[in-house]
Amino acid sequence: MTPDAAAKLAGIYPLADDDPRRRHDIRTVVEAALAGGATCLQLRLKHTLDREALGLCRWAVDQAHKWGALLIVNDRLDLADLARADGVHLGQDDLAPERIPPELRRRLLVGLSTHTPEQVNESRERPADYIAFGPVFATASKDSEYEARGIDALAQAVERAGRPVVAIGGIAERNLSQVRMAGARAAAVISAIANADDPAEATRRLIEKFSSPPGG
């Protein structure tokens, strides 16, 4: 990971998804998060038809790059490649990072989801630039087979990972300082932005909260 990418993969990491339960649609969330100061976003497409997904990815990449931000595509290496995204984020059951072709691996950041101490330890030997760990708190934003892990487990993951850790799961303004104090490089948020009255202002508040000193 280059120093520039590392600097952008920090703070608040919004996940813009196409879940119809969200108050704001995916394009609104992308635009608002960027306007609010996010420097790295993830695009998660679970409901969008393939014939529409590439166009949406290319649009999101274009929007992110206009703001000097990174755009990471969830799960889909094909879309990340064709849309010229900055990276791809893979789950434990997705394409293995080891199977990404070398020419793409040189160009793309690779994130890997982890949920257990064993997965965190194993990730040290895998070709990933950063890991996500969670769910830290209980969440209704994404279905998960894993129970909430808690702050202590997050801190242990940070200690073991040997690379940047993005915390995910149930993260909101009320618990953001705990996430930062546990050592996470970034905090992934979904509903805290996508369901906010003003998603751009929500992004700004979250960024400020993550950057503020303890008790601030």
N, C-alpha and C. Protein backbone atom coordinates (compact mmCIF):
# COMPACT_ATOMS: atom_id res chain seq x y z
N MET A 1 0.85 -1.19 0.00
CA MET A 1 0.00 0.00 0.00
C MET A 1 0.89 1.24 0.00
N THR A 2 0.61 2.16 -0.90
CA THR A 2 1.40 3.38 -0.98
C THR A 2 1.08 4.29 0.20
N PRO A 3 2.00 5.21 0.55
CA PRO A 3 1.69 6.17 1.63
C PRO A 3 0.43 6.98 1.37
N ASP A 4 0.18 7.32 0.10
CA ASP A 4 -1.02 8.10 -0.22
C ASP A 4 -2.29 7.28 0.05
N ALA A 5 -2.28 6.02 -0.37
CA ALA A 5 -3.43 5.17 -0.12
C ALA A 5 -3.63 4.93 1.37
N ALA A 6 -2.53 4.74 2.10
CA ALA A 6 -2.62 4.52 3.54
C ALA A 6 -3.23 5.72 4.24
N ALA A 7 -2.88 6.91 3.78
CA ALA A 7 -3.42 8.12 4.39
C ALA A 7 -4.91 8.25 4.14
N LYS A 8 -5.36 7.78 2.98
CA LYS A 8 -6.78 7.87 2.65
C LYS A 8 -7.60 6.77 3.30
N LEU A 9 -6.98 5.61 3.54
CA LEU A 9 -7.67 4.50 4.19
C LEU A 9 -7.57 4.72 5.70
N ALA A 10 -8.24 5.73 6.17
CA ALA A 10 -8.15 6.11 7.58
C ALA A 10 -9.40 6.91 7.95
N GLY A 11 -9.74 6.86 9.23
CA GLY A 11 -10.90 7.63 9.69
C GLY A 11 -12.20 6.92 9.39
N ILE A 12 -13.10 7.61 8.74
CA ILE A 12 -14.41 7.06 8.42
C ILE A 12 -14.41 6.45 7.03
N TYR A 13 -14.87 5.22 6.95
CA TYR A 13 -14.86 4.43 5.72
C TYR A 13 -16.32 4.08 5.41
N PRO A 14 -17.04 4.95 4.70
CA PRO A 14 -18.45 4.68 4.41
C PRO A 14 -18.63 3.50 3.45
N LEU A 15 -19.64 2.70 3.72
CA LEU A 15 -20.05 1.63 2.81
C LEU A 15 -21.38 2.05 2.19
N ALA A 16 -21.36 2.26 0.89
CA ALA A 16 -22.58 2.62 0.16
C ALA A 16 -23.12 1.35 -0.49
N ASP A 17 -24.31 0.95 -0.09
CA ASP A 17 -24.85 -0.27 -0.66
C ASP A 17 -26.23 -0.04 -1.27
N ASP A 18 -26.71 -1.06 -1.98
CA ASP A 18 -27.97 -0.94 -2.71
C ASP A 18 -29.12 -1.61 -1.98
N ASP A 19 -28.99 -1.76 -0.67
CA ASP A 19 -30.07 -2.34 0.12
C ASP A 19 -31.29 -1.42 0.08
N PRO A 20 -32.44 -1.91 -0.37
CA PRO A 20 -33.61 -1.04 -0.49
C PRO A 20 -34.15 -0.54 0.85
N ARG A 21 -33.66 -1.08 1.96
CA ARG A 21 -34.11 -0.62 3.27
C ARG A 21 -33.49 0.72 3.67
N ARG A 22 -32.45 1.14 2.97
CA ARG A 22 -31.78 2.38 3.33
C ARG A 22 -32.68 3.59 3.06
N ARG A 23 -32.54 4.59 3.89
CA ARG A 23 -33.31 5.82 3.72
C ARG A 23 -32.89 6.56 2.45
N HIS A 24 -31.58 6.54 2.17
CA HIS A 24 -31.05 7.23 0.99
C HIS A 24 -30.48 6.21 0.02
N ASP A 25 -30.63 6.46 -1.28
CA ASP A 25 -30.15 5.51 -2.26
C ASP A 25 -28.63 5.59 -2.38
N ILE A 26 -28.07 4.65 -3.11
CA ILE A 26 -26.63 4.48 -3.15
C ILE A 26 -25.92 5.69 -3.76
N ARG A 27 -26.49 6.29 -4.78
CA ARG A 27 -25.85 7.46 -5.39
C ARG A 27 -25.85 8.65 -4.43
N THR A 28 -26.93 8.82 -3.71
CA THR A 28 -26.99 9.91 -2.74
C THR A 28 -25.95 9.71 -1.65
N VAL A 29 -25.79 8.47 -1.19
CA VAL A 29 -24.82 8.18 -0.13
C VAL A 29 -23.40 8.44 -0.63
N VAL A 30 -23.08 8.00 -1.83
CA VAL A 30 -21.74 8.23 -2.38
C VAL A 30 -21.46 9.73 -2.46
N GLU A 31 -22.36 10.48 -3.04
CA GLU A 31 -22.15 11.92 -3.20
C GLU A 31 -22.05 12.62 -1.85
N ALA A 32 -22.92 12.25 -0.92
CA ALA A 32 -22.93 12.90 0.38
C ALA A 32 -21.69 12.56 1.19
N ALA A 33 -21.26 11.30 1.17
CA ALA A 33 -20.07 10.91 1.92
C ALA A 33 -18.84 11.64 1.41
N LEU A 34 -18.72 11.77 0.11
CA LEU A 34 -17.59 12.50 -0.46
C LEU A 34 -17.65 13.98 -0.11
N ALA A 35 -18.83 14.56 -0.22
CA ALA A 35 -18.99 15.97 0.15
C ALA A 35 -18.70 16.19 1.62
N GLY A 36 -18.97 15.18 2.44
CA GLY A 36 -18.73 15.30 3.87
C GLY A 36 -17.29 15.07 4.28
N GLY A 37 -16.43 14.68 3.33
CA GLY A 37 -15.02 14.57 3.63
C GLY A 37 -14.44 13.17 3.65
N ALA A 38 -15.21 12.14 3.31
CA ALA A 38 -14.68 10.78 3.29
C ALA A 38 -13.59 10.66 2.23
N THR A 39 -12.52 9.95 2.57
CA THR A 39 -11.40 9.77 1.65
C THR A 39 -11.29 8.35 1.11
N CYS A 40 -12.13 7.47 1.59
CA CYS A 40 -12.18 6.09 1.08
C CYS A 40 -13.59 5.57 1.27
N LEU A 41 -14.17 5.03 0.21
CA LEU A 41 -15.52 4.47 0.26
C LEU A 41 -15.51 3.07 -0.31
N GLN A 42 -16.48 2.28 0.14
CA GLN A 42 -16.69 0.96 -0.44
C GLN A 42 -18.07 0.91 -1.07
N LEU A 43 -18.12 0.35 -2.27
CA LEU A 43 -19.39 0.17 -2.98
C LEU A 43 -19.78 -1.30 -2.88
N ARG A 44 -20.95 -1.55 -2.32
CA ARG A 44 -21.42 -2.91 -2.12
C ARG A 44 -22.72 -3.11 -2.90
N LEU A 45 -22.68 -3.97 -3.92
CA LEU A 45 -23.82 -4.19 -4.79
C LEU A 45 -24.31 -5.63 -4.65
N LYS A 46 -25.42 -5.81 -3.95
CA LYS A 46 -26.00 -7.14 -3.74
C LYS A 46 -27.31 -7.31 -4.48
N HIS A 47 -27.95 -6.21 -4.87
CA HIS A 47 -29.27 -6.27 -5.48
C HIS A 47 -29.28 -5.73 -6.91
N THR A 48 -28.23 -5.06 -7.32
CA THR A 48 -28.17 -4.45 -8.65
C THR A 48 -27.88 -5.50 -9.72
N LEU A 49 -28.63 -5.45 -10.80
CA LEU A 49 -28.40 -6.38 -11.91
C LEU A 49 -27.03 -6.14 -12.53
N ASP A 50 -26.41 -7.20 -13.02
CA ASP A 50 -25.08 -7.08 -13.60
C ASP A 50 -25.03 -6.06 -14.74
N ARG A 51 -26.09 -6.00 -15.52
CA ARG A 51 -26.07 -5.09 -16.66
C ARG A 51 -26.05 -3.63 -16.22
N GLU A 52 -26.41 -3.36 -14.97
CA GLU A 52 -26.39 -2.00 -14.44
C GLU A 52 -25.20 -1.76 -13.51
N ALA A 53 -24.62 -2.84 -12.98
CA ALA A 53 -23.60 -2.71 -11.95
C ALA A 53 -22.33 -2.03 -12.44
N LEU A 54 -21.88 -2.36 -13.64
CA LEU A 54 -20.63 -1.78 -14.13
C LEU A 54 -20.77 -0.28 -14.30
N GLY A 55 -21.90 0.17 -14.86
CA GLY A 55 -22.11 1.61 -15.02
C GLY A 55 -22.12 2.32 -13.69
N LEU A 56 -22.74 1.71 -12.68
CA LEU A 56 -22.79 2.32 -11.36
C LEU A 56 -21.40 2.36 -10.74
N CYS A 57 -20.62 1.31 -10.92
CA CYS A 57 -19.25 1.29 -10.40
C CYS A 57 -18.40 2.37 -11.06
N ARG A 58 -18.51 2.48 -12.37
CA ARG A 58 -17.72 3.49 -13.07
C ARG A 58 -18.11 4.89 -12.63
N TRP A 59 -19.39 5.11 -12.43
CA TRP A 59 -19.85 6.41 -11.93
C TRP A 59 -19.27 6.69 -10.55
N ALA A 60 -19.30 5.70 -9.65
CA ALA A 60 -18.81 5.88 -8.29
C ALA A 60 -17.30 6.14 -8.28
N VAL A 61 -16.56 5.42 -9.12
CA VAL A 61 -15.12 5.65 -9.22
C VAL A 61 -14.85 7.08 -9.68
N ASP A 62 -15.59 7.52 -10.69
CA ASP A 62 -15.42 8.88 -11.21
C ASP A 62 -15.71 9.91 -10.13
N GLN A 63 -16.79 9.71 -9.37
CA GLN A 63 -17.12 10.64 -8.30
C GLN A 63 -16.03 10.67 -7.23
N ALA A 64 -15.56 9.50 -6.83
CA ALA A 64 -14.52 9.44 -5.80
C ALA A 64 -13.25 10.14 -6.26
N HIS A 65 -12.85 9.89 -7.49
CA HIS A 65 -11.60 10.47 -7.97
C HIS A 65 -11.70 11.98 -8.13
N LYS A 66 -12.89 12.49 -8.41
CA LYS A 66 -13.05 13.95 -8.46
C LYS A 66 -12.74 14.59 -7.11
N TRP A 67 -12.99 13.85 -6.03
CA TRP A 67 -12.72 14.35 -4.69
C TRP A 67 -11.36 13.88 -4.15
N GLY A 68 -10.60 13.16 -4.97
CA GLY A 68 -9.31 12.65 -4.53
C GLY A 68 -9.43 11.49 -3.56
N ALA A 69 -10.54 10.77 -3.59
CA ALA A 69 -10.79 9.67 -2.67
C ALA A 69 -10.60 8.32 -3.36
N LEU A 70 -10.50 7.28 -2.54
CA LEU A 70 -10.41 5.91 -3.04
C LEU A 70 -11.80 5.28 -3.14
N LEU A 71 -11.98 4.43 -4.13
CA LEU A 71 -13.24 3.68 -4.25
C LEU A 71 -12.91 2.19 -4.29
N ILE A 72 -13.39 1.46 -3.29
CA ILE A 72 -13.18 0.03 -3.17
C ILE A 72 -14.49 -0.69 -3.52
N VAL A 73 -14.42 -1.73 -4.32
CA VAL A 73 -15.59 -2.51 -4.69
C VAL A 73 -15.65 -3.76 -3.83
N ASN A 74 -16.81 -4.02 -3.26
CA ASN A 74 -17.00 -5.21 -2.43
C ASN A 74 -17.20 -6.46 -3.28
N ASP A 75 -16.49 -7.51 -2.96
CA ASP A 75 -16.68 -8.86 -3.53
C ASP A 75 -16.23 -9.03 -4.98
N ARG A 76 -16.55 -8.08 -5.84
CA ARG A 76 -16.49 -8.29 -7.28
C ARG A 76 -15.18 -7.81 -7.89
N LEU A 77 -14.23 -8.72 -8.04
CA LEU A 77 -12.97 -8.38 -8.69
C LEU A 77 -13.19 -7.94 -10.12
N ASP A 78 -14.14 -8.57 -10.81
CA ASP A 78 -14.39 -8.22 -12.20
C ASP A 78 -14.83 -6.76 -12.33
N LEU A 79 -15.75 -6.34 -11.46
CA LEU A 79 -16.21 -4.96 -11.51
C LEU A 79 -15.11 -3.99 -11.10
N ALA A 80 -14.33 -4.35 -10.09
CA ALA A 80 -13.23 -3.49 -9.66
C ALA A 80 -12.24 -3.27 -10.80
N ASP A 81 -11.96 -4.31 -11.54
CA ASP A 81 -11.03 -4.22 -12.66
C ASP A 81 -11.61 -3.37 -13.79
N LEU A 82 -12.82 -3.72 -14.24
CA LEU A 82 -13.40 -3.04 -15.39
C LEU A 82 -13.72 -1.58 -15.11
N ALA A 83 -14.05 -1.26 -13.85
CA ALA A 83 -14.38 0.12 -13.50
C ALA A 83 -13.15 0.93 -13.13
N ARG A 84 -11.98 0.29 -13.11
CA ARG A 84 -10.73 0.95 -12.72
C ARG A 84 -10.84 1.50 -11.31
N ALA A 85 -11.43 0.70 -10.44
CA ALA A 85 -11.52 1.07 -9.03
C ALA A 85 -10.13 1.00 -8.39
N ASP A 86 -10.05 1.49 -7.17
CA ASP A 86 -8.77 1.49 -6.46
C ASP A 86 -8.50 0.20 -5.71
N GLY A 87 -9.56 -0.58 -5.49
CA GLY A 87 -9.36 -1.80 -4.74
C GLY A 87 -10.58 -2.68 -4.74
N VAL A 88 -10.41 -3.85 -4.13
CA VAL A 88 -11.50 -4.81 -3.98
C VAL A 88 -11.46 -5.32 -2.55
N HIS A 89 -12.65 -5.51 -1.97
CA HIS A 89 -12.74 -6.04 -0.61
C HIS A 89 -13.39 -7.42 -0.66
N LEU A 90 -12.72 -8.40 -0.09
CA LEU A 90 -13.15 -9.79 -0.20
C LEU A 90 -13.53 -10.37 1.15
N GLY A 91 -14.58 -11.19 1.14
CA GLY A 91 -14.99 -11.90 2.33
C GLY A 91 -14.30 -13.25 2.41
N GLN A 92 -14.49 -13.94 3.51
CA GLN A 92 -13.86 -15.25 3.70
C GLN A 92 -14.32 -16.27 2.67
N ASP A 93 -15.52 -16.10 2.13
CA ASP A 93 -16.06 -17.06 1.16
C ASP A 93 -15.98 -16.56 -0.27
N ASP A 94 -15.34 -15.41 -0.47
CA ASP A 94 -15.19 -14.87 -1.82
C ASP A 94 -13.93 -15.42 -2.47
N LEU A 95 -13.60 -14.90 -3.64
CA LEU A 95 -12.35 -15.25 -4.31
C LEU A 95 -11.19 -15.04 -3.34
N ALA A 96 -10.30 -16.02 -3.24
CA ALA A 96 -9.15 -15.91 -2.35
C ALA A 96 -8.19 -14.84 -2.87
N PRO A 97 -7.66 -13.98 -2.01
CA PRO A 97 -6.70 -12.96 -2.46
C PRO A 97 -5.53 -13.56 -3.23
N GLU A 98 -5.15 -14.78 -2.85
CA GLU A 98 -4.02 -15.44 -3.52
C GLU A 98 -4.28 -15.71 -5.00
N ARG A 99 -5.56 -15.70 -5.39
CA ARG A 99 -5.90 -16.03 -6.77
C ARG A 99 -6.05 -14.80 -7.66
N ILE A 100 -5.85 -13.64 -7.10
CA ILE A 100 -5.91 -12.42 -7.92
C ILE A 100 -4.69 -12.40 -8.84
N PRO A 101 -4.88 -12.21 -10.15
CA PRO A 101 -3.75 -12.17 -11.08
C PRO A 101 -2.72 -11.12 -10.68
N PRO A 102 -1.43 -11.40 -10.84
CA PRO A 102 -0.38 -10.48 -10.39
C PRO A 102 -0.53 -9.06 -10.94
N GLU A 103 -0.94 -8.94 -12.20
CA GLU A 103 -1.04 -7.59 -12.77
C GLU A 103 -2.14 -6.78 -12.09
N LEU A 104 -3.22 -7.45 -11.66
CA LEU A 104 -4.26 -6.75 -10.93
C LEU A 104 -3.83 -6.49 -9.49
N ARG A 105 -3.11 -7.44 -8.91
CA ARG A 105 -2.66 -7.28 -7.53
C ARG A 105 -1.74 -6.08 -7.39
N ARG A 106 -0.97 -5.80 -8.43
CA ARG A 106 -0.07 -4.63 -8.38
C ARG A 106 -0.85 -3.32 -8.42
N ARG A 107 -2.03 -3.36 -9.02
CA ARG A 107 -2.81 -2.13 -9.18
C ARG A 107 -3.85 -1.93 -8.09
N LEU A 108 -4.42 -3.01 -7.59
CA LEU A 108 -5.56 -2.90 -6.68
C LEU A 108 -5.16 -3.09 -5.22
N LEU A 109 -5.73 -2.26 -4.34
CA LEU A 109 -5.69 -2.56 -2.93
C LEU A 109 -6.60 -3.76 -2.67
N VAL A 110 -6.22 -4.59 -1.73
CA VAL A 110 -7.03 -5.75 -1.40
C VAL A 110 -7.35 -5.73 0.09
N GLY A 111 -8.65 -5.74 0.40
CA GLY A 111 -9.10 -5.85 1.78
C GLY A 111 -9.68 -7.23 2.02
N LEU A 112 -9.59 -7.70 3.25
CA LEU A 112 -10.07 -9.03 3.60
C LEU A 112 -10.86 -8.97 4.89
N SER A 113 -12.08 -9.49 4.88
CA SER A 113 -12.90 -9.52 6.09
C SER A 113 -12.43 -10.63 7.02
N THR A 114 -12.39 -10.33 8.32
CA THR A 114 -12.07 -11.33 9.33
C THR A 114 -13.06 -11.18 10.48
N HIS A 115 -13.29 -12.28 11.17
CA HIS A 115 -14.30 -12.29 12.23
C HIS A 115 -13.84 -13.00 13.50
N THR A 116 -12.73 -13.70 13.42
CA THR A 116 -12.26 -14.49 14.56
C THR A 116 -10.75 -14.28 14.73
N PRO A 117 -10.23 -14.57 15.91
CA PRO A 117 -8.77 -14.48 16.11
C PRO A 117 -8.01 -15.37 15.13
N GLU A 118 -8.57 -16.55 14.84
CA GLU A 118 -7.89 -17.46 13.91
C GLU A 118 -7.79 -16.84 12.51
N GLN A 119 -8.87 -16.22 12.05
CA GLN A 119 -8.85 -15.59 10.73
C GLN A 119 -7.88 -14.41 10.71
N VAL A 120 -7.83 -13.66 11.79
CA VAL A 120 -6.88 -12.55 11.87
C VAL A 120 -5.45 -13.08 11.77
N ASN A 121 -5.14 -14.12 12.54
CA ASN A 121 -3.80 -14.70 12.50
C ASN A 121 -3.45 -15.22 11.10
N GLU A 122 -4.40 -15.89 10.47
CA GLU A 122 -4.17 -16.43 9.13
C GLU A 122 -3.95 -15.31 8.11
N SER A 123 -4.62 -14.18 8.32
CA SER A 123 -4.52 -13.08 7.36
C SER A 123 -3.10 -12.52 7.27
N ARG A 124 -2.30 -12.73 8.30
CA ARG A 124 -0.93 -12.23 8.28
C ARG A 124 -0.11 -12.83 7.15
N GLU A 125 -0.49 -14.03 6.74
CA GLU A 125 0.25 -14.73 5.67
C GLU A 125 -0.44 -14.61 4.31
N ARG A 126 -1.49 -13.80 4.25
CA ARG A 126 -2.24 -13.68 3.02
C ARG A 126 -1.98 -12.32 2.37
N PRO A 127 -2.09 -12.22 1.04
CA PRO A 127 -1.77 -10.98 0.34
C PRO A 127 -2.90 -9.96 0.40
N ALA A 128 -3.08 -9.38 1.58
CA ALA A 128 -4.10 -8.34 1.77
C ALA A 128 -3.41 -7.09 2.30
N ASP A 129 -3.89 -5.93 1.85
CA ASP A 129 -3.32 -4.66 2.30
C ASP A 129 -3.89 -4.22 3.64
N TYR A 130 -5.13 -4.60 3.90
CA TYR A 130 -5.75 -4.28 5.17
C TYR A 130 -6.79 -5.36 5.47
N ILE A 131 -7.20 -5.46 6.72
CA ILE A 131 -8.29 -6.36 7.06
C ILE A 131 -9.42 -5.56 7.69
N ALA A 132 -10.62 -6.07 7.54
CA ALA A 132 -11.76 -5.58 8.30
C ALA A 132 -12.02 -6.59 9.41
N PHE A 133 -12.43 -6.10 10.57
CA PHE A 133 -12.73 -7.00 11.68
C PHE A 133 -14.08 -6.63 12.27
N GLY A 134 -14.91 -7.67 12.49
CA GLY A 134 -16.21 -7.42 13.07
C GLY A 134 -17.13 -8.63 12.91
N PRO A 135 -18.39 -8.45 13.27
CA PRO A 135 -18.98 -7.18 13.73
C PRO A 135 -18.53 -6.82 15.15
N VAL A 136 -18.11 -5.58 15.32
CA VAL A 136 -17.67 -5.13 16.64
C VAL A 136 -18.87 -5.01 17.57
N PHE A 137 -19.94 -4.39 17.06
CA PHE A 137 -21.18 -4.25 17.82
C PHE A 137 -22.30 -4.93 17.04
N ALA A 138 -23.40 -5.17 17.71
CA ALA A 138 -24.56 -5.76 17.03
C ALA A 138 -25.04 -4.81 15.94
N THR A 139 -25.43 -5.38 14.82
CA THR A 139 -25.84 -4.56 13.68
C THR A 139 -26.99 -5.22 12.93
N ALA A 140 -27.85 -4.38 12.37
CA ALA A 140 -28.92 -4.87 11.50
C ALA A 140 -28.65 -4.49 10.05
N SER A 141 -27.49 -3.83 9.79
CA SER A 141 -27.20 -3.36 8.44
C SER A 141 -26.77 -4.46 7.51
N LYS A 142 -26.23 -5.55 8.09
CA LYS A 142 -25.75 -6.65 7.26
C LYS A 142 -25.98 -7.95 7.99
N ASP A 143 -26.49 -8.95 7.28
CA ASP A 143 -26.66 -10.26 7.88
C ASP A 143 -25.29 -10.89 8.14
N SER A 144 -25.11 -11.46 9.33
CA SER A 144 -23.84 -12.07 9.67
C SER A 144 -24.08 -13.30 10.52
N GLU A 145 -23.27 -14.32 10.28
CA GLU A 145 -23.35 -15.52 11.11
C GLU A 145 -22.59 -15.36 12.41
N TYR A 146 -21.90 -14.22 12.56
CA TYR A 146 -21.07 -14.00 13.74
C TYR A 146 -21.75 -13.03 14.71
N GLU A 147 -21.62 -13.33 16.00
CA GLU A 147 -22.13 -12.42 17.02
C GLU A 147 -21.18 -11.25 17.19
N ALA A 148 -21.67 -10.19 17.86
CA ALA A 148 -20.84 -9.02 18.11
C ALA A 148 -19.58 -9.43 18.87
N ARG A 149 -18.44 -8.91 18.43
CA ARG A 149 -17.15 -9.31 18.99
C ARG A 149 -16.71 -8.43 20.16
N GLY A 150 -17.07 -7.15 20.13
CA GLY A 150 -16.73 -6.27 21.23
C GLY A 150 -15.40 -5.55 21.03
N ILE A 151 -15.19 -4.54 21.85
CA ILE A 151 -14.02 -3.68 21.73
C ILE A 151 -12.73 -4.42 22.08
N ASP A 152 -12.76 -5.27 23.08
CA ASP A 152 -11.54 -5.99 23.45
C ASP A 152 -11.06 -6.88 22.32
N ALA A 153 -11.98 -7.55 21.64
CA ALA A 153 -11.61 -8.39 20.50
C ALA A 153 -11.05 -7.55 19.36
N LEU A 154 -11.60 -6.36 19.17
CA LEU A 154 -11.08 -5.46 18.14
C LEU A 154 -9.65 -5.06 18.48
N ALA A 155 -9.40 -4.68 19.72
CA ALA A 155 -8.06 -4.29 20.13
C ALA A 155 -7.06 -5.44 19.93
N GLN A 156 -7.49 -6.65 20.21
CA GLN A 156 -6.62 -7.81 20.01
C GLN A 156 -6.35 -8.03 18.53
N ALA A 157 -7.37 -7.82 17.69
CA ALA A 157 -7.19 -7.95 16.25
C ALA A 157 -6.18 -6.93 15.74
N VAL A 158 -6.28 -5.71 16.23
CA VAL A 158 -5.33 -4.65 15.84
C VAL A 158 -3.91 -5.07 16.22
N GLU A 159 -3.76 -5.62 17.40
CA GLU A 159 -2.44 -6.03 17.88
C GLU A 159 -1.85 -7.17 17.06
N ARG A 160 -2.72 -8.08 16.60
CA ARG A 160 -2.25 -9.27 15.89
C ARG A 160 -2.08 -9.08 14.39
N ALA A 161 -2.83 -8.15 13.81
CA ALA A 161 -2.99 -8.12 12.36
C ALA A 161 -1.71 -7.85 11.58
N GLY A 162 -0.88 -6.94 12.08
CA GLY A 162 0.32 -6.60 11.34
C GLY A 162 0.07 -5.75 10.12
N ARG A 163 -1.11 -5.17 10.03
CA ARG A 163 -1.50 -4.30 8.92
C ARG A 163 -2.71 -3.49 9.37
N PRO A 164 -3.12 -2.47 8.61
CA PRO A 164 -4.26 -1.65 9.04
C PRO A 164 -5.52 -2.47 9.25
N VAL A 165 -6.28 -2.09 10.28
CA VAL A 165 -7.54 -2.76 10.59
C VAL A 165 -8.68 -1.76 10.47
N VAL A 166 -9.71 -2.16 9.74
CA VAL A 166 -10.94 -1.38 9.63
C VAL A 166 -11.99 -2.08 10.48
N ALA A 167 -12.51 -1.37 11.47
CA ALA A 167 -13.57 -1.92 12.31
C ALA A 167 -14.90 -1.81 11.59
N ILE A 168 -15.77 -2.81 11.76
CA ILE A 168 -17.07 -2.79 11.11
C ILE A 168 -18.12 -3.45 11.99
N GLY A 169 -19.34 -2.97 11.88
CA GLY A 169 -20.46 -3.59 12.58
C GLY A 169 -21.01 -2.74 13.70
N GLY A 170 -22.17 -2.13 13.47
CA GLY A 170 -22.86 -1.38 14.52
C GLY A 170 -22.16 -0.11 14.96
N ILE A 171 -21.29 0.42 14.12
CA ILE A 171 -20.52 1.61 14.51
C ILE A 171 -21.32 2.87 14.22
N ALA A 172 -21.40 3.73 15.23
CA ALA A 172 -22.14 4.98 15.14
C ALA A 172 -21.40 6.03 15.96
N GLU A 173 -21.92 7.24 15.94
CA GLU A 173 -21.24 8.34 16.64
C GLU A 173 -21.05 8.02 18.12
N ARG A 174 -22.01 7.32 18.72
CA ARG A 174 -21.97 7.07 20.16
C ARG A 174 -20.83 6.15 20.59
N ASN A 175 -20.34 5.28 19.69
CA ASN A 175 -19.29 4.35 20.08
C ASN A 175 -17.99 4.52 19.27
N LEU A 176 -17.93 5.59 18.50
CA LEU A 176 -16.79 5.77 17.60
C LEU A 176 -15.49 5.98 18.36
N SER A 177 -15.54 6.69 19.47
CA SER A 177 -14.30 6.94 20.21
C SER A 177 -13.71 5.63 20.75
N GLN A 178 -14.56 4.67 21.12
CA GLN A 178 -14.07 3.37 21.58
C GLN A 178 -13.32 2.65 20.46
N VAL A 179 -13.85 2.75 19.26
CA VAL A 179 -13.23 2.10 18.11
C VAL A 179 -11.86 2.69 17.84
N ARG A 180 -11.77 4.01 17.90
CA ARG A 180 -10.48 4.67 17.66
C ARG A 180 -9.47 4.31 18.74
N MET A 181 -9.92 4.31 19.99
CA MET A 181 -9.01 4.01 21.10
C MET A 181 -8.55 2.56 21.09
N ALA A 182 -9.32 1.68 20.44
CA ALA A 182 -8.90 0.28 20.30
C ALA A 182 -7.80 0.13 19.26
N GLY A 183 -7.54 1.18 18.49
CA GLY A 183 -6.44 1.16 17.55
C GLY A 183 -6.81 0.96 16.10
N ALA A 184 -8.09 0.90 15.78
CA ALA A 184 -8.50 0.72 14.39
C ALA A 184 -8.04 1.90 13.54
N ARG A 185 -7.56 1.61 12.35
CA ARG A 185 -7.15 2.68 11.44
C ARG A 185 -8.37 3.42 10.90
N ALA A 186 -9.46 2.67 10.71
CA ALA A 186 -10.66 3.26 10.15
C ALA A 186 -11.88 2.55 10.71
N ALA A 187 -13.03 3.21 10.56
CA ALA A 187 -14.30 2.66 11.02
C ALA A 187 -15.28 2.65 9.85
N ALA A 188 -15.73 1.46 9.48
CA ALA A 188 -16.70 1.33 8.40
C ALA A 188 -18.09 1.60 8.94
N VAL A 189 -18.83 2.44 8.24
CA VAL A 189 -20.18 2.80 8.68
C VAL A 189 -21.14 2.65 7.50
N ILE A 190 -22.34 2.21 7.81
CA ILE A 190 -23.38 2.05 6.79
C ILE A 190 -24.58 2.91 7.16
N SER A 191 -25.39 2.44 8.10
CA SER A 191 -26.65 3.12 8.41
C SER A 191 -26.43 4.49 9.05
N ALA A 192 -25.30 4.70 9.73
CA ALA A 192 -25.04 5.99 10.37
C ALA A 192 -24.99 7.11 9.35
N ILE A 193 -24.72 6.77 8.10
CA ILE A 193 -24.74 7.76 7.01
C ILE A 193 -25.97 7.55 6.14
N ALA A 194 -26.21 6.31 5.72
CA ALA A 194 -27.28 6.03 4.75
C ALA A 194 -28.67 6.31 5.30
N ASN A 195 -28.84 6.29 6.62
CA ASN A 195 -30.15 6.55 7.21
C ASN A 195 -30.23 7.89 7.94
N ALA A 196 -29.20 8.69 7.82
CA ALA A 196 -29.16 9.98 8.52
C ALA A 196 -30.08 11.00 7.85
N ASP A 197 -30.54 11.98 8.62
CA ASP A 197 -31.34 13.07 8.06
C ASP A 197 -30.55 13.80 6.97
N ASP A 198 -29.28 14.06 7.27
CA ASP A 198 -28.38 14.75 6.34
C ASP A 198 -27.11 13.93 6.26
N PRO A 199 -26.97 13.05 5.26
CA PRO A 199 -25.82 12.15 5.22
C PRO A 199 -24.47 12.84 5.08
N ALA A 200 -24.42 13.98 4.40
CA ALA A 200 -23.15 14.70 4.30
C ALA A 200 -22.73 15.25 5.66
N GLU A 201 -23.68 15.84 6.38
CA GLU A 201 -23.38 16.36 7.71
C GLU A 201 -23.05 15.22 8.67
N ALA A 202 -23.73 14.10 8.54
CA ALA A 202 -23.43 12.94 9.37
C ALA A 202 -21.99 12.47 9.14
N THR A 203 -21.57 12.46 7.88
CA THR A 203 -20.19 12.08 7.57
C THR A 203 -19.21 13.04 8.23
N ARG A 204 -19.48 14.34 8.13
CA ARG A 204 -18.58 15.32 8.75
C ARG A 204 -18.49 15.12 10.26
N ARG A 205 -19.62 14.87 10.90
CA ARG A 205 -19.62 14.67 12.36
C ARG A 205 -18.83 13.42 12.73
N LEU A 206 -19.01 12.35 11.98
CA LEU A 206 -18.30 11.12 12.27
C LEU A 206 -16.80 11.29 12.10
N ILE A 207 -16.39 11.97 11.05
CA ILE A 207 -14.97 12.23 10.82
C ILE A 207 -14.39 13.05 11.97
N GLU A 208 -15.11 14.08 12.38
CA GLU A 208 -14.65 14.91 13.48
C GLU A 208 -14.55 14.12 14.77
N LYS A 209 -15.54 13.27 15.02
CA LYS A 209 -15.56 12.46 16.25
C LYS A 209 -14.39 11.48 16.26
N PHE A 210 -14.11 10.86 15.11
CA PHE A 210 -13.02 9.89 15.05
C PHE A 210 -11.68 10.57 15.27
N SER A 211 -11.57 11.83 14.85
CA SER A 211 -10.30 12.55 14.94
C SER A 211 -10.11 13.25 16.27
N SER A 212 -11.16 13.39 17.05
CA SER A 212 -11.06 14.17 18.28
C SER A 212 -10.36 13.37 19.38
N PRO A 213 -9.70 14.04 20.32
CA PRO A 213 -9.02 13.34 21.42
C PRO A 213 -10.03 12.69 22.35
N PRO A 214 -9.58 11.73 23.18
CA PRO A 214 -10.49 11.08 24.12
C PRO A 214 -11.24 12.11 24.96
N GLY A 215 -12.54 11.91 25.06
CA GLY A 215 -13.37 12.85 25.80
C GLY A 215 -13.80 14.06 25.00
N GLY A 216 -13.29 14.13 23.73
CA GLY A 216 -13.60 15.27 22.91
C GLY A 216 -14.88 15.10 22.17
